Amino acid sequence: MREILVNGYAYPFIEAEVLENWLGTLSWVSAFSYGVTPEGGLIPLEDRALVETARSRGVAALMVVAPMNAEGAFSNELAKSLLEDPAARSALIEN
């Protein structure tokens, strides 16, 4: 039988009990979401507890990177500027 792989998205402020109950069903948990700067920098996400809890249960943690600004709002202009600027794309990949 084939292995079934399951990914789940979670905000870093997920309640610990909910996360604990949910992790047994996951292969990965994706922390939602790291924002970006126009220069390709990452806007930090307070996901340490989420990542550490997942890893302690054998669940891999993945980053979600979205065109969100420092205020946490999605920005089409930010996505456009990143996609059109080779230096910003390279910086984002490096970061």
C-alpha atoms as a PDB file:
ATOM      1  CA  MET A   1       0.000   0.000   0.000  1.00  0.00           C
ATOM      2  CA  ARG A   2       1.235   3.519  -0.800  1.00  0.00           C
ATOM      3  CA  GLU A   3       2.156   5.908   1.962  1.00  0.00           C
ATOM      4  CA  ILE A   4      -0.206   8.848   2.352  1.00  0.00           C
ATOM      5  CA  LEU A   5       1.487  12.179   3.010  1.00  0.00           C
ATOM      6  CA  VAL A   6      -0.492  14.973   4.625  1.00  0.00           C
ATOM      7  CA  ASN A   7       0.350  18.661   5.019  1.00  0.00           C
ATOM      8  CA  GLY A   8      -1.518  21.030   7.309  1.00  0.00           C
ATOM      9  CA  TYR A   9      -1.324  24.790   7.602  1.00  0.00           C
ATOM     10  CA  ALA A  10      -1.272  26.406  11.035  1.00  0.00           C
ATOM     11  CA  TYR A  11      -0.991  29.895  12.400  1.00  0.00           C
ATOM     12  CA  PRO A  12       1.788  30.201  14.999  1.00  0.00           C
ATOM     13  CA  PHE A  13      -0.781  31.121  17.643  1.00  0.00           C
ATOM     14  CA  ILE A  14      -2.606  27.776  17.332  1.00  0.00           C
ATOM     15  CA  GLU A  15      -3.674  26.469  20.725  1.00  0.00           C
ATOM     16  CA  ALA A  16      -1.165  23.902  22.019  1.00  0.00           C
ATOM     17  CA  GLU A  17      -3.851  21.266  22.666  1.00  0.00           C
ATOM     18  CA  VAL A  18      -5.267  21.602  19.155  1.00  0.00           C
ATOM     19  CA  LEU A  19      -1.785  21.316  17.652  1.00  0.00           C
ATOM     20  CA  GLU A  20      -0.941  18.259  19.768  1.00  0.00           C
ATOM     21  CA  ASN A  21      -4.134  16.491  18.693  1.00  0.00           C
ATOM     22  CA  TRP A  22      -3.629  17.360  15.048  1.00  0.00           C
ATOM     23  CA  LEU A  23       0.064  16.440  14.678  1.00  0.00           C
ATOM     24  CA  GLY A  24      -0.600  12.708  14.799  1.00  0.00           C
ATOM     25  CA  THR A  25      -2.314  12.951  11.413  1.00  0.00           C
ATOM     26  CA  LEU A  26       0.345  15.006   9.610  1.00  0.00           C
ATOM     27  CA  SER A  27       3.548  14.423   7.680  1.00  0.00           C
ATOM     28  CA  TRP A  28       4.277  18.168   7.567  1.00  0.00           C
ATOM     29  CA  VAL A  29       2.956  21.285   9.206  1.00  0.00           C
ATOM     30  CA  SER A  30       3.302  24.584   7.373  1.00  0.00           C
ATOM     31  CA  ALA A  31       3.638  27.744   9.446  1.00  0.00           C
ATOM     32  CA  PHE A  32       1.495  30.456   7.901  1.00  0.00           C
ATOM     33  CA  SER A  33       3.012  32.794   6.844  1.00  0.00           C
ATOM     34  CA  TYR A  34       6.335  34.557   6.470  1.00  0.00           C
ATOM     35  CA  GLY A  35       6.001  37.917   4.769  1.00  0.00           C
ATOM     36  CA  VAL A  36       8.567  39.486   2.489  1.00  0.00           C
ATOM     37  CA  THR A  37      10.133  42.852   1.866  1.00  0.00           C
ATOM     38  CA  PRO A  38      10.426  44.407  -1.619  1.00  0.00           C
ATOM     39  CA  GLU A  39      14.169  43.635  -1.496  1.00  0.00           C
ATOM     40  CA  GLY A  40      13.574  39.917  -0.909  1.00  0.00           C
ATOM     41  CA  GLY A  41      14.041  39.856   2.849  1.00  0.00           C
ATOM     42  CA  LEU A  42      11.886  37.710   5.100  1.00  0.00           C
ATOM     43  CA  ILE A  43       9.602  39.196   7.718  1.00  0.00           C
ATOM     44  CA  PRO A  44      10.074  36.992  10.807  1.00  0.00           C
ATOM     45  CA  LEU A  45       7.280  34.817  12.103  1.00  0.00           C
ATOM     46  CA  GLU A  46       7.040  33.836  15.770  1.00  0.00           C
ATOM     47  CA  ASP A  47       6.732  30.128  14.968  1.00  0.00           C
ATOM     48  CA  ARG A  48       9.302  28.625  17.332  1.00  0.00           C
ATOM     49  CA  ALA A  49       6.733  26.827  19.535  1.00  0.00           C
ATOM     50  CA  LEU A  50       4.905  25.457  16.491  1.00  0.00           C
ATOM     51  CA  VAL A  51       8.113  24.190  14.877  1.00  0.00           C
ATOM     52  CA  GLU A  52       9.563  22.706  18.065  1.00  0.00           C
ATOM     53  CA  THR A  53       6.322  20.919  18.944  1.00  0.00           C
ATOM     54  CA  ALA A  54       6.019  19.507  15.430  1.00  0.00           C
ATOM     55  CA  ARG A  55       9.606  18.278  15.347  1.00  0.00           C
ATOM     56  CA  SER A  56       9.272  16.676  18.766  1.00  0.00           C
ATOM     57  CA  ARG A  57       6.387  14.600  17.341  1.00  0.00           C
ATOM     58  CA  GLY A  58       8.295  13.621  14.190  1.00  0.00           C
ATOM     59  CA  VAL A  59       6.432  16.049  11.949  1.00  0.00           C
ATOM     60  CA  ALA A  60       8.484  18.164   9.561  1.00  0.00           C
ATOM     61  CA  ALA A  61       7.937  21.918   9.608  1.00  0.00           C
ATOM     62  CA  LEU A  62       7.708  23.879   6.372  1.00  0.00           C
ATOM     63  CA  MET A  63       7.758  27.606   5.707  1.00  0.00           C
ATOM     64  CA  VAL A  64       4.962  29.329   3.859  1.00  0.00           C
ATOM     65  CA  VAL A  65       6.180  32.499   2.177  1.00  0.00           C
ATOM     66  CA  ALA A  66       3.483  34.851   0.953  1.00  0.00           C
ATOM     67  CA  PRO A  67       3.430  38.363  -0.501  1.00  0.00           C
ATOM     68  CA  MET A  68       2.461  39.886   2.822  1.00  0.00           C
ATOM     69  CA  ASN A  69       3.845  43.170   4.085  1.00  0.00           C
ATOM     70  CA  ALA A  70       5.042  44.044   7.594  1.00  0.00           C
ATOM     71  CA  GLU A  71       1.449  44.749   8.660  1.00  0.00           C
ATOM     72  CA  GLY A  72       0.383  41.238   7.611  1.00  0.00           C
ATOM     73  CA  ALA A  73      -1.644  42.358   4.598  1.00  0.00           C
ATOM     74  CA  PHE A  74      -1.429  40.594   1.240  1.00  0.00           C
ATOM     75  CA  SER A  75       0.037  42.809  -1.451  1.00  0.00           C
ATOM     76  CA  ASN A  76      -0.245  42.220  -5.186  1.00  0.00           C
ATOM     77  CA  GLU A  77       2.217  45.062  -5.733  1.00  0.00           C
ATOM     78  CA  LEU A  78       4.758  43.356  -3.489  1.00  0.00           C
ATOM     79  CA  ALA A  79       4.398  40.101  -5.435  1.00  0.00           C
ATOM     80  CA  LYS A  80       4.754  41.989  -8.732  1.00  0.00           C
ATOM     81  CA  SER A  81       7.868  43.852  -7.607  1.00  0.00           C
ATOM     82  CA  LEU A  82       9.527  40.665  -6.359  1.00  0.00           C
ATOM     83  CA  LEU A  83       8.767  38.754  -9.534  1.00  0.00           C
ATOM     84  CA  GLU A  84      10.051  41.564 -11.745  1.00  0.00           C
ATOM     85  CA  ASP A  85      13.304  42.170  -9.850  1.00  0.00           C
ATOM     86  CA  PRO A  86      15.944  39.447 -10.370  1.00  0.00           C
ATOM     87  CA  ALA A  87      18.052  40.703  -7.436  1.00  0.00           C
ATOM     88  CA  ALA A  88      15.041  40.613  -5.080  1.00  0.00           C
ATOM     89  CA  ARG A  89      14.116  37.098  -6.261  1.00  0.00           C
ATOM     90  CA  SER A  90      17.664  35.903  -5.638  1.00  0.00           C
ATOM     91  CA  ALA A  91      17.716  37.517  -2.201  1.00  0.00           C
ATOM     92  CA  LEU A  92      14.411  35.891  -1.279  1.00  0.00           C
ATOM     93  CA  ILE A  93      15.695  32.471  -2.339  1.00  0.00           C
ATOM     94  CA  GLU A  94      18.866  32.990  -0.281  1.00  0.00           C
ATOM     95  CA  ASN A  95      16.904  34.146   2.750  1.00  0.00           C
END
